Amino acid sequence: MIERLWSLLLELRDYLGSNFDPFRDTIDILLVTLGIYWLLVLIRGTRAVQILVGLIVLLTASAASNLLNLVALRLILDNFLGSAAIILVILFQHDLRRALARVGRGFFPSVSAREESQIVEEVVRAAQILSQRRVGALIVLERETNLDDQIEAGTPVDATVSKELLTALFIPQSPLHDGAVLIQRGRIAYAGCVLPLTARLNLPEGLGTRHRAGVGITEETDALVVIVSEETSAISVMLGGEIMPGLDPSRLRVVLREILSGEWRELPGPGEGPRSGAGAVEAAPVRGAKEGSEESAPATTAARSAG
């Protein structure tokens, strides 16, 4: 027994000696480890985690069927797992699109830190004014992913971001109030934009078109969305298909700055984020949440971003 074990150890030593390159293989292992870590960070908090757990269960069942020689189960699982790559691409198409769009780009790449701070301040003040007047608003801030292919029927504006212009665009008398305002490359690029609506069926009842549009654009891209509810006057932030509702101006300012600076890649959960000072963030994000009974537009006007 000891001789057999010693023989195996010698064979292992000879194999590693002839096939293992410490420098090359260490780099290889590190790259694979970083890739797996990046993938896990990307899918954290998304439905992809549940799908990944399901695939692990199927792989475990396949290994068990091979071990126990369960012919029927093994045949079914082998045929299913043989198409696993195609299934993963279909299921994770939106996540893959967002991941590829992140490569090589920064947050607000053409906007300086000072300009970014000014933009945040103008958006916060505009949201505060609109909330006080109970005027609905949908403001989309482009980040890494270019939104040109996601925007439809928008009217070009190309103006400096200011609370006066944002307020004027959303008042009911404005011909462009029925839609979203897009802030792109540090300027108000479009107004009256039509956004893609979410196709999710697990959203709370009473969620209006404005919020469904916010969920839709943040599911498809990494855009940051600020919404003012027309019925409740509540201010919300959307990112990654999730909502942080009930923000006052000071907390809204903190959330926008943390996200645009890159400190937050997703909305913080309960117990996370700054907790001290006037800008403490206390509202936890709610996946597909609603603010009261937001205005619910009919399906015929669902393609437009106003509720």
C-alpha atoms as a PDB file:
ATOM      1  CA  MET A   1       0.000   0.000   0.000  1.00  0.00           C
ATOM      2  CA  ILE A   2       2.760   2.402   0.947  1.00  0.00           C
ATOM      3  CA  GLU A   3       4.719   1.477  -2.163  1.00  0.00           C
ATOM      4  CA  ARG A   4       1.678   2.091  -4.312  1.00  0.00           C
ATOM      5  CA  LEU A   5       1.121   5.515  -2.725  1.00  0.00           C
ATOM      6  CA  TRP A   6       4.781   6.390  -3.141  1.00  0.00           C
ATOM      7  CA  SER A   7       4.608   5.363  -6.793  1.00  0.00           C
ATOM      8  CA  LEU A   8       1.612   7.652  -7.368  1.00  0.00           C
ATOM      9  CA  LEU A   9       3.423  10.550  -5.741  1.00  0.00           C
ATOM     10  CA  LEU A  10       6.438   9.992  -7.978  1.00  0.00           C
ATOM     11  CA  GLU A  11       4.228   9.902 -11.051  1.00  0.00           C
ATOM     12  CA  LEU A  12       2.555  13.128  -9.969  1.00  0.00           C
ATOM     13  CA  ARG A  13       5.945  14.770  -9.456  1.00  0.00           C
ATOM     14  CA  ASP A  14       7.131  13.684 -12.882  1.00  0.00           C
ATOM     15  CA  TYR A  15       3.917  14.903 -14.510  1.00  0.00           C
ATOM     16  CA  LEU A  16       4.096  18.318 -12.866  1.00  0.00           C
ATOM     17  CA  GLY A  17       7.773  18.599 -13.638  1.00  0.00           C
ATOM     18  CA  SER A  18       7.180  18.063 -17.343  1.00  0.00           C
ATOM     19  CA  ASN A  19       3.908  19.979 -17.765  1.00  0.00           C
ATOM     20  CA  PHE A  20       3.828  22.719 -15.129  1.00  0.00           C
ATOM     21  CA  ASP A  21       5.324  26.130 -15.831  1.00  0.00           C
ATOM     22  CA  PRO A  22       5.067  28.179 -12.587  1.00  0.00           C
ATOM     23  CA  PHE A  23       5.049  31.591 -14.293  1.00  0.00           C
ATOM     24  CA  ARG A  24       2.715  30.762 -17.167  1.00  0.00           C
ATOM     25  CA  ASP A  25       0.269  28.649 -15.185  1.00  0.00           C
ATOM     26  CA  THR A  26       0.122  31.147 -12.297  1.00  0.00           C
ATOM     27  CA  ILE A  27      -0.884  33.904 -14.726  1.00  0.00           C
ATOM     28  CA  ASP A  28      -3.408  31.554 -16.323  1.00  0.00           C
ATOM     29  CA  ILE A  29      -4.988  30.707 -12.958  1.00  0.00           C
ATOM     30  CA  LEU A  30      -5.092  34.357 -11.879  1.00  0.00           C
ATOM     31  CA  LEU A  31      -6.817  35.433 -15.114  1.00  0.00           C
ATOM     32  CA  VAL A  32      -9.423  32.697 -14.788  1.00  0.00           C
ATOM     33  CA  THR A  33      -9.983  33.625 -11.128  1.00  0.00           C
ATOM     34  CA  LEU A  34     -10.449  37.305 -11.982  1.00  0.00           C
ATOM     35  CA  GLY A  35     -12.853  36.387 -14.779  1.00  0.00           C
ATOM     36  CA  ILE A  36     -14.978  34.250 -12.455  1.00  0.00           C
ATOM     37  CA  TYR A  37     -14.937  36.964  -9.779  1.00  0.00           C
ATOM     38  CA  TRP A  38     -15.968  39.639 -12.300  1.00  0.00           C
ATOM     39  CA  LEU A  39     -18.806  37.415 -13.512  1.00  0.00           C
ATOM     40  CA  LEU A  40     -20.059  36.821  -9.963  1.00  0.00           C
ATOM     41  CA  VAL A  41     -19.970  40.565  -9.213  1.00  0.00           C
ATOM     42  CA  LEU A  42     -21.858  41.235 -12.444  1.00  0.00           C
ATOM     43  CA  ILE A  43     -24.713  38.832 -11.684  1.00  0.00           C
ATOM     44  CA  ARG A  44     -24.903  39.533  -7.962  1.00  0.00           C
ATOM     45  CA  GLY A  45     -28.421  40.539  -6.983  1.00  0.00           C
ATOM     46  CA  THR A  46     -29.929  39.605 -10.368  1.00  0.00           C
ATOM     47  CA  ARG A  47     -32.077  36.742 -11.544  1.00  0.00           C
ATOM     48  CA  ALA A  48     -28.944  35.238 -13.059  1.00  0.00           C
ATOM     49  CA  VAL A  49     -27.940  33.983  -9.607  1.00  0.00           C
ATOM     50  CA  GLN A  50     -31.057  31.830  -9.377  1.00  0.00           C
ATOM     51  CA  ILE A  51     -30.488  30.482 -12.881  1.00  0.00           C
ATOM     52  CA  LEU A  52     -26.859  29.709 -12.027  1.00  0.00           C
ATOM     53  CA  VAL A  53     -27.953  27.785  -8.935  1.00  0.00           C
ATOM     54  CA  GLY A  54     -30.388  25.811 -11.083  1.00  0.00           C
ATOM     55  CA  LEU A  55     -27.616  24.893 -13.542  1.00  0.00           C
ATOM     56  CA  ILE A  56     -25.386  23.754 -10.685  1.00  0.00           C
ATOM     57  CA  VAL A  57     -28.203  21.509  -9.454  1.00  0.00           C
ATOM     58  CA  LEU A  58     -28.588  20.012 -12.944  1.00  0.00           C
ATOM     59  CA  LEU A  59     -24.832  19.421 -13.230  1.00  0.00           C
ATOM     60  CA  THR A  60     -24.856  17.706  -9.843  1.00  0.00           C
ATOM     61  CA  ALA A  61     -27.778  15.534 -10.927  1.00  0.00           C
ATOM     62  CA  SER A  62     -25.920  14.649 -14.136  1.00  0.00           C
ATOM     63  CA  ALA A  63     -22.834  13.576 -12.190  1.00  0.00           C
ATOM     64  CA  ALA A  64     -24.993  11.511  -9.837  1.00  0.00           C
ATOM     65  CA  SER A  65     -26.746   9.817 -12.769  1.00  0.00           C
ATOM     66  CA  ASN A  66     -23.367   8.830 -14.235  1.00  0.00           C
ATOM     67  CA  LEU A  67     -22.190   7.514 -10.882  1.00  0.00           C
ATOM     68  CA  LEU A  68     -25.368   5.525 -10.210  1.00  0.00           C
ATOM     69  CA  ASN A  69     -25.803   4.493 -13.867  1.00  0.00           C
ATOM     70  CA  LEU A  70     -29.288   6.014 -14.177  1.00  0.00           C
ATOM     71  CA  VAL A  71     -29.582   5.676 -17.932  1.00  0.00           C
ATOM     72  CA  ALA A  72     -32.854   7.542 -18.564  1.00  0.00           C
ATOM     73  CA  LEU A  73     -31.979  10.520 -16.361  1.00  0.00           C
ATOM     74  CA  ARG A  74     -28.470  10.692 -17.794  1.00  0.00           C
ATOM     75  CA  LEU A  75     -29.816  10.722 -21.366  1.00  0.00           C
ATOM     76  CA  ILE A  76     -32.215  13.601 -20.631  1.00  0.00           C
ATOM     77  CA  LEU A  77     -29.640  15.685 -18.773  1.00  0.00           C
ATOM     78  CA  ASP A  78     -26.913  15.107 -21.364  1.00  0.00           C
ATOM     79  CA  ASN A  79     -29.199  16.306 -24.162  1.00  0.00           C
ATOM     80  CA  PHE A  80     -30.244  19.354 -22.137  1.00  0.00           C
ATOM     81  CA  LEU A  81     -26.784  20.335 -20.928  1.00  0.00           C
ATOM     82  CA  GLY A  82     -25.389  19.882 -24.433  1.00  0.00           C
ATOM     83  CA  SER A  83     -27.248  23.069 -25.385  1.00  0.00           C
ATOM     84  CA  ALA A  84     -26.318  24.879 -22.150  1.00  0.00           C
ATOM     85  CA  ALA A  85     -24.156  27.475 -23.912  1.00  0.00           C
ATOM     86  CA  ILE A  86     -27.005  28.582 -26.191  1.00  0.00           C
ATOM     87  CA  ILE A  87     -29.452  28.585 -23.271  1.00  0.00           C
ATOM     88  CA  LEU A  88     -27.121  30.788 -21.210  1.00  0.00           C
ATOM     89  CA  VAL A  89     -26.722  33.293 -24.041  1.00  0.00           C
ATOM     90  CA  ILE A  90     -30.511  33.551 -24.442  1.00  0.00           C
ATOM     91  CA  LEU A  91     -31.211  33.869 -20.724  1.00  0.00           C
ATOM     92  CA  PHE A  92     -28.408  36.324 -20.005  1.00  0.00           C
ATOM     93  CA  GLN A  93     -28.582  38.399 -23.193  1.00  0.00           C
ATOM     94  CA  HIS A  94     -29.365  41.645 -21.355  1.00  0.00           C
ATOM     95  CA  ASP A  95     -26.699  41.042 -18.700  1.00  0.00           C
ATOM     96  CA  LEU A  96     -24.120  40.183 -21.363  1.00  0.00           C
ATOM     97  CA  ARG A  97     -24.996  43.321 -23.321  1.00  0.00           C
ATOM     98  CA  ARG A  98     -24.508  45.494 -20.254  1.00  0.00           C
ATOM     99  CA  ALA A  99     -21.252  43.743 -19.349  1.00  0.00           C
ATOM    100  CA  LEU A 100     -19.747  44.220 -22.801  1.00  0.00           C
ATOM    101  CA  ALA A 101     -20.822  47.857 -22.833  1.00  0.00           C
ATOM    102  CA  ARG A 102     -18.871  48.479 -19.626  1.00  0.00           C
ATOM    103  CA  VAL A 103     -15.535  47.408 -21.041  1.00  0.00           C
ATOM    104  CA  GLY A 104     -13.141  50.278 -21.635  1.00  0.00           C
ATOM    105  CA  ARG A 105     -15.465  53.114 -20.679  1.00  0.00           C
ATOM    106  CA  GLY A 106     -15.816  55.243 -17.560  1.00  0.00           C
ATOM    107  CA  PHE A 107     -18.661  56.975 -15.790  1.00  0.00           C
ATOM    108  CA  PHE A 108     -19.629  60.180 -17.616  1.00  0.00           C
ATOM    109  CA  PRO A 109     -16.385  59.923 -19.662  1.00  0.00           C
ATOM    110  CA  SER A 110     -16.681  63.376 -21.256  1.00  0.00           C
ATOM    111  CA  VAL A 111     -17.807  65.249 -18.140  1.00  0.00           C
ATOM    112  CA  SER A 112     -15.470  66.628 -15.475  1.00  0.00           C
ATOM    113  CA  ALA A 113     -16.076  66.095 -11.774  1.00  0.00           C
ATOM    114  CA  ARG A 114     -17.097  69.740 -11.372  1.00  0.00           C
ATOM    115  CA  GLU A 115     -19.593  69.575 -14.241  1.00  0.00           C
ATOM    116  CA  GLU A 116     -20.952  66.302 -12.863  1.00  0.00           C
ATOM    117  CA  SER A 117     -21.514  67.937  -9.466  1.00  0.00           C
ATOM    118  CA  GLN A 118     -23.349  70.828 -11.132  1.00  0.00           C
ATOM    119  CA  ILE A 119     -25.540  68.432 -13.095  1.00  0.00           C
ATOM    120  CA  VAL A 120     -26.461  66.542  -9.932  1.00  0.00           C
ATOM    121  CA  GLU A 121     -27.343  69.782  -8.158  1.00  0.00           C
ATOM    122  CA  GLU A 122     -29.564  70.999 -11.005  1.00  0.00           C
ATOM    123  CA  VAL A 123     -31.360  67.639 -11.227  1.00  0.00           C
ATOM    124  CA  VAL A 124     -31.935  67.569  -7.465  1.00  0.00           C
ATOM    125  CA  ARG A 125     -33.334  71.107  -7.440  1.00  0.00           C
ATOM    126  CA  ALA A 126     -35.568  70.395 -10.427  1.00  0.00           C
ATOM    127  CA  ALA A 127     -36.888  67.221  -8.773  1.00  0.00           C
ATOM    128  CA  GLN A 128     -37.600  69.169  -5.591  1.00  0.00           C
ATOM    129  CA  ILE A 129     -39.548  71.866  -7.461  1.00  0.00           C
ATOM    130  CA  LEU A 130     -41.523  69.343  -9.509  1.00  0.00           C
ATOM    131  CA  SER A 131     -42.294  67.303  -6.399  1.00  0.00           C
ATOM    132  CA  GLN A 132     -43.614  70.382  -4.592  1.00  0.00           C
ATOM    133  CA  ARG A 133     -45.837  71.160  -7.593  1.00  0.00           C
ATOM    134  CA  ARG A 134     -46.915  67.502  -7.931  1.00  0.00           C
ATOM    135  CA  VAL A 135     -45.703  67.404 -11.522  1.00  0.00           C
ATOM    136  CA  GLY A 136     -44.534  64.051 -12.884  1.00  0.00           C
ATOM    137  CA  ALA A 137     -41.036  63.747 -14.327  1.00  0.00           C
ATOM    138  CA  LEU A 138     -38.710  61.145 -15.813  1.00  0.00           C
ATOM    139  CA  ILE A 139     -35.045  62.138 -16.103  1.00  0.00           C
ATOM    140  CA  VAL A 140     -32.547  59.697 -17.610  1.00  0.00           C
ATOM    141  CA  LEU A 141     -28.823  60.190 -17.037  1.00  0.00           C
ATOM    142  CA  GLU A 142     -26.577  58.342 -19.472  1.00  0.00           C
ATOM    143  CA  ARG A 143     -23.553  56.629 -17.915  1.00  0.00           C
ATOM    144  CA  GLU A 144     -21.413  54.041 -19.701  1.00  0.00           C
ATOM    145  CA  THR A 145     -23.898  52.592 -22.178  1.00  0.00           C
ATOM    146  CA  ASN A 146     -24.787  54.836 -25.098  1.00  0.00           C
ATOM    147  CA  LEU A 147     -28.559  55.343 -25.154  1.00  0.00           C
ATOM    148  CA  ASP A 148     -29.002  56.494 -28.752  1.00  0.00           C
ATOM    149  CA  ASP A 149     -30.385  53.121 -29.843  1.00  0.00           C
ATOM    150  CA  GLN A 150     -32.759  52.999 -26.852  1.00  0.00           C
ATOM    151  CA  ILE A 151     -34.403  56.385 -27.379  1.00  0.00           C
ATOM    152  CA  GLU A 152     -37.309  56.895 -29.781  1.00  0.00           C
ATOM    153  CA  ALA A 153     -39.234  59.985 -30.893  1.00  0.00           C
ATOM    154  CA  GLY A 154     -37.148  62.351 -28.807  1.00  0.00           C
ATOM    155  CA  THR A 155     -36.899  66.039 -29.708  1.00  0.00           C
ATOM    156  CA  PRO A 156     -33.287  67.304 -29.826  1.00  0.00           C
ATOM    157  CA  VAL A 157     -32.580  70.019 -27.256  1.00  0.00           C
ATOM    158  CA  ASP A 158     -28.790  70.192 -26.753  1.00  0.00           C
ATOM    159  CA  ALA A 159     -28.899  72.630 -23.848  1.00  0.00           C
ATOM    160  CA  THR A 160     -27.094  73.189 -20.580  1.00  0.00           C
ATOM    161  CA  VAL A 161     -28.567  71.273 -17.654  1.00  0.00           C
ATOM    162  CA  SER A 162     -30.507  73.680 -15.443  1.00  0.00           C
ATOM    163  CA  LYS A 163     -33.374  73.368 -13.011  1.00  0.00           C
ATOM    164  CA  GLU A 164     -35.315  76.046 -14.887  1.00  0.00           C
ATOM    165  CA  LEU A 165     -35.202  74.179 -18.188  1.00  0.00           C
ATOM    166  CA  LEU A 166     -35.920  70.793 -16.602  1.00  0.00           C
ATOM    167  CA  THR A 167     -38.917  72.252 -14.776  1.00  0.00           C
ATOM    168  CA  ALA A 168     -40.189  73.944 -17.921  1.00  0.00           C
ATOM    169  CA  LEU A 169     -39.934  70.733 -19.951  1.00  0.00           C
ATOM    170  CA  PHE A 170     -42.144  68.770 -17.540  1.00  0.00           C
ATOM    171  CA  ILE A 171     -44.917  71.257 -16.759  1.00  0.00           C
ATOM    172  CA  PRO A 172     -48.239  70.052 -18.254  1.00  0.00           C
ATOM    173  CA  GLN A 173     -48.409  73.017 -20.635  1.00  0.00           C
ATOM    174  CA  SER A 174     -45.137  71.986 -22.306  1.00  0.00           C
ATOM    175  CA  PRO A 175     -45.523  70.049 -25.577  1.00  0.00           C
ATOM    176  CA  LEU A 176     -42.572  67.861 -24.474  1.00  0.00           C
ATOM    177  CA  HIS A 177     -43.795  66.986 -20.971  1.00  0.00           C
ATOM    178  CA  ASP A 178     -45.210  63.637 -22.106  1.00  0.00           C
ATOM    179  CA  GLY A 179     -41.914  61.761 -22.211  1.00  0.00           C
ATOM    180  CA  ALA A 180     -38.449  61.424 -20.730  1.00  0.00           C
ATOM    181  CA  VAL A 181     -35.604  63.922 -20.684  1.00  0.00           C
ATOM    182  CA  LEU A 182     -32.197  62.472 -21.587  1.00  0.00           C
ATOM    183  CA  ILE A 183     -29.031  63.977 -20.112  1.00  0.00           C
ATOM    184  CA  GLN A 184     -26.183  62.840 -22.329  1.00  0.00           C
ATOM    185  CA  ARG A 185     -22.517  63.887 -22.223  1.00  0.00           C
ATOM    186  CA  GLY A 186     -23.274  66.550 -19.653  1.00  0.00           C
ATOM    187  CA  ARG A 187     -26.097  68.264 -21.579  1.00  0.00           C
ATOM    188  CA  ILE A 188     -29.837  67.904 -22.005  1.00  0.00           C
ATOM    189  CA  ALA A 189     -29.762  66.050 -25.307  1.00  0.00           C
ATOM    190  CA  TYR A 190     -33.414  65.108 -25.897  1.00  0.00           C
ATOM    191  CA  ALA A 191     -36.853  65.736 -24.425  1.00  0.00           C
ATOM    192  CA  GLY A 192     -40.159  63.966 -24.955  1.00  0.00           C
ATOM    193  CA  CYS A 193     -38.356  60.645 -25.403  1.00  0.00           C
ATOM    194  CA  VAL A 194     -40.081  57.285 -25.660  1.00  0.00           C
ATOM    195  CA  LEU A 195     -38.364  54.558 -23.611  1.00  0.00           C
ATOM    196  CA  PRO A 196     -38.673  50.765 -23.764  1.00  0.00           C
ATOM    197  CA  LEU A 197     -41.132  49.435 -21.213  1.00  0.00           C
ATOM    198  CA  THR A 198     -40.244  46.501 -19.017  1.00  0.00           C
ATOM    199  CA  ALA A 199     -41.777  43.168 -19.992  1.00  0.00           C
ATOM    200  CA  ARG A 200     -41.641  41.837 -16.440  1.00  0.00           C
ATOM    201  CA  LEU A 201     -44.886  40.403 -15.101  1.00  0.00           C
ATOM    202  CA  ASN A 202     -43.949  40.453 -11.407  1.00  0.00           C
ATOM    203  CA  LEU A 203     -44.250  44.196 -10.927  1.00  0.00           C
ATOM    204  CA  PRO A 204     -46.638  45.492  -8.244  1.00  0.00           C
ATOM    205  CA  GLU A 205     -50.125  46.534  -9.248  1.00  0.00           C
ATOM    206  CA  GLY A 206     -50.678  50.195  -9.954  1.00  0.00           C
ATOM    207  CA  LEU A 207     -47.198  50.776 -11.347  1.00  0.00           C
ATOM    208  CA  GLY A 208     -47.615  53.509 -13.961  1.00  0.00           C
ATOM    209  CA  THR A 209     -46.090  53.832 -17.389  1.00  0.00           C
ATOM    210  CA  ARG A 210     -43.515  56.331 -16.122  1.00  0.00           C
ATOM    211  CA  HIS A 211     -42.130  53.806 -13.656  1.00  0.00           C
ATOM    212  CA  ARG A 212     -42.406  50.910 -16.114  1.00  0.00           C
ATOM    213  CA  ALA A 213     -40.342  52.941 -18.565  1.00  0.00           C
ATOM    214  CA  GLY A 214     -37.776  53.604 -15.851  1.00  0.00           C
ATOM    215  CA  VAL A 215     -37.538  49.895 -15.092  1.00  0.00           C
ATOM    216  CA  GLY A 216     -37.276  49.102 -18.803  1.00  0.00           C
ATOM    217  CA  ILE A 217     -34.397  51.470 -19.610  1.00  0.00           C
ATOM    218  CA  THR A 218     -32.428  50.475 -16.504  1.00  0.00           C
ATOM    219  CA  GLU A 219     -32.887  46.775 -17.277  1.00  0.00           C
ATOM    220  CA  GLU A 220     -31.541  47.250 -20.791  1.00  0.00           C
ATOM    221  CA  THR A 221     -28.708  49.671 -19.911  1.00  0.00           C
ATOM    222  CA  ASP A 222     -26.741  51.036 -16.957  1.00  0.00           C
ATOM    223  CA  ALA A 223     -28.609  54.367 -17.111  1.00  0.00           C
ATOM    224  CA  LEU A 224     -29.524  56.210 -13.926  1.00  0.00           C
ATOM    225  CA  VAL A 225     -33.129  57.400 -13.721  1.00  0.00           C
ATOM    226  CA  VAL A 226     -34.802  59.980 -11.478  1.00  0.00           C
ATOM    227  CA  ILE A 227     -38.605  59.822 -11.280  1.00  0.00           C
ATOM    228  CA  VAL A 228     -41.079  62.205  -9.689  1.00  0.00           C
ATOM    229  CA  SER A 229     -44.511  60.720  -9.141  1.00  0.00           C
ATOM    230  CA  GLU A 230     -47.384  62.869 -10.352  1.00  0.00           C
ATOM    231  CA  GLU A 231     -49.880  61.398  -7.881  1.00  0.00           C
ATOM    232  CA  THR A 232     -47.791  61.047  -4.723  1.00  0.00           C
ATOM    233  CA  SER A 233     -45.040  63.655  -5.441  1.00  0.00           C
ATOM    234  CA  ALA A 234     -42.518  61.065  -4.235  1.00  0.00           C
ATOM    235  CA  ILE A 235     -38.996  61.152  -5.688  1.00  0.00           C
ATOM    236  CA  SER A 236     -37.375  57.855  -6.671  1.00  0.00           C
ATOM    237  CA  VAL A 237     -34.125  56.670  -8.198  1.00  0.00           C
ATOM    238  CA  MET A 238     -33.865  53.674 -10.528  1.00  0.00           C
ATOM    239  CA  LEU A 239     -30.775  51.646 -11.360  1.00  0.00           C
ATOM    240  CA  GLY A 240     -30.434  48.104 -12.674  1.00  0.00           C
ATOM    241  CA  GLY A 241     -34.195  47.564 -12.725  1.00  0.00           C
ATOM    242  CA  GLU A 242     -34.548  48.420  -9.027  1.00  0.00           C
ATOM    243  CA  ILE A 243     -36.164  51.394  -7.318  1.00  0.00           C
ATOM    244  CA  MET A 244     -35.077  53.413  -4.297  1.00  0.00           C
ATOM    245  CA  PRO A 245     -38.310  55.263  -3.431  1.00  0.00           C
ATOM    246  CA  GLY A 246     -39.193  58.086  -1.088  1.00  0.00           C
ATOM    247  CA  LEU A 247     -36.036  60.208  -1.327  1.00  0.00           C
ATOM    248  CA  ASP A 248     -35.900  63.772  -0.066  1.00  0.00           C
ATOM    249  CA  PRO A 249     -33.595  66.236  -1.888  1.00  0.00           C
ATOM    250  CA  SER A 250     -30.630  65.729   0.465  1.00  0.00           C
ATOM    251  CA  ARG A 251     -30.729  61.962   0.174  1.00  0.00           C
ATOM    252  CA  LEU A 252     -31.316  62.169  -3.572  1.00  0.00           C
ATOM    253  CA  ARG A 253     -28.155  64.277  -3.857  1.00  0.00           C
ATOM    254  CA  VAL A 254     -26.110  61.659  -1.969  1.00  0.00           C
ATOM    255  CA  VAL A 255     -27.447  58.763  -4.046  1.00  0.00           C
ATOM    256  CA  LEU A 256     -26.763  60.472  -7.379  1.00  0.00           C
ATOM    257  CA  ARG A 257     -23.250  61.483  -6.377  1.00  0.00           C
ATOM    258  CA  GLU A 258     -22.350  58.030  -5.088  1.00  0.00           C
ATOM    259  CA  ILE A 259     -23.599  56.313  -8.247  1.00  0.00           C
ATOM    260  CA  LEU A 260     -22.116  58.742 -10.761  1.00  0.00           C
ATOM    261  CA  SER A 261     -18.757  58.761  -8.977  1.00  0.00           C
ATOM    262  CA  GLY A 262     -18.591  54.984  -9.293  1.00  0.00           C
ATOM    263  CA  GLU A 263     -18.795  54.323  -5.555  1.00  0.00           C
ATOM    264  CA  TRP A 264     -22.053  52.425  -6.009  1.00  0.00           C
ATOM    265  CA  ARG A 265     -22.459  50.024  -8.938  1.00  0.00           C
ATOM    266  CA  GLU A 266     -25.952  49.154  -7.731  1.00  0.00           C
ATOM    267  CA  LEU A 267     -28.496  50.575  -5.312  1.00  0.00           C
ATOM    268  CA  PRO A 268     -27.567  49.791  -1.700  1.00  0.00           C
ATOM    269  CA  GLY A 269     -29.643  47.341   0.265  1.00  0.00           C
ATOM    270  CA  PRO A 270     -30.868  47.698   3.855  1.00  0.00           C
ATOM    271  CA  GLY A 271     -28.018  48.560   6.186  1.00  0.00           C
ATOM    272  CA  GLU A 272     -25.768  49.767   3.379  1.00  0.00           C
ATOM    273  CA  GLY A 273     -24.754  53.224   2.212  1.00  0.00           C
ATOM    274  CA  PRO A 274     -24.059  56.411   4.187  1.00  0.00           C
ATOM    275  CA  ARG A 275     -25.967  56.624   7.429  1.00  0.00           C
ATOM    276  CA  SER A 276     -24.863  59.859   8.994  1.00  0.00           C
ATOM    277  CA  GLY A 277     -25.474  63.509   8.288  1.00  0.00           C
ATOM    278  CA  ALA A 278     -28.198  65.251   6.360  1.00  0.00           C
ATOM    279  CA  GLY A 279     -27.708  63.052   3.334  1.00  0.00           C
ATOM    280  CA  ALA A 280     -28.040  59.700   5.058  1.00  0.00           C
ATOM    281  CA  VAL A 281     -29.644  57.138   2.804  1.00  0.00           C
ATOM    282  CA  GLU A 282     -32.321  55.193   4.639  1.00  0.00           C
ATOM    283  CA  ALA A 283     -34.653  54.064   1.882  1.00  0.00           C
ATOM    284  CA  ALA A 284     -33.884  50.538   0.744  1.00  0.00           C
ATOM    285  CA  PRO A 285     -34.325  49.628  -2.904  1.00  0.00           C
ATOM    286  CA  VAL A 286     -37.373  47.655  -3.837  1.00  0.00           C
ATOM    287  CA  ARG A 287     -37.130  45.414  -6.881  1.00  0.00           C
ATOM    288  CA  GLY A 288     -39.848  46.558  -9.248  1.00  0.00           C
ATOM    289  CA  ALA A 289     -41.306  48.675  -6.450  1.00  0.00           C
ATOM    290  CA  LYS A 290     -43.984  51.279  -6.738  1.00  0.00           C
ATOM    291  CA  GLU A 291     -44.780  54.547  -5.024  1.00  0.00           C
ATOM    292  CA  GLY A 292     -48.338  54.322  -3.840  1.00  0.00           C
ATOM    293  CA  SER A 293     -50.668  53.836  -6.763  1.00  0.00           C
ATOM    294  CA  GLU A 294     -48.733  55.567  -9.535  1.00  0.00           C
ATOM    295  CA  GLU A 295     -50.712  56.651 -12.553  1.00  0.00           C
ATOM    296  CA  SER A 296     -51.424  53.664 -14.804  1.00  0.00           C
ATOM    297  CA  ALA A 297     -51.634  54.575 -18.469  1.00  0.00           C
ATOM    298  CA  PRO A 298     -53.421  52.295 -20.938  1.00  0.00           C
ATOM    299  CA  ALA A 299     -51.474  49.873 -23.038  1.00  0.00           C
ATOM    300  CA  THR A 300     -52.030  51.919 -26.181  1.00  0.00           C
ATOM    301  CA  THR A 301     -49.831  54.685 -24.753  1.00  0.00           C
ATOM    302  CA  ALA A 302     -47.441  52.372 -22.971  1.00  0.00           C
ATOM    303  CA  ALA A 303     -44.615  53.186 -25.336  1.00  0.00           C
ATOM    304  CA  ARG A 304     -44.464  56.768 -24.074  1.00  0.00           C
ATOM    305  CA  SER A 305     -42.562  57.533 -20.897  1.00  0.00           C
ATOM    306  CA  ALA A 306     -45.078  59.724 -19.120  1.00  0.00           C
ATOM    307  CA  GLY A 307     -47.546  58.156 -16.754  1.00  0.00           C
END
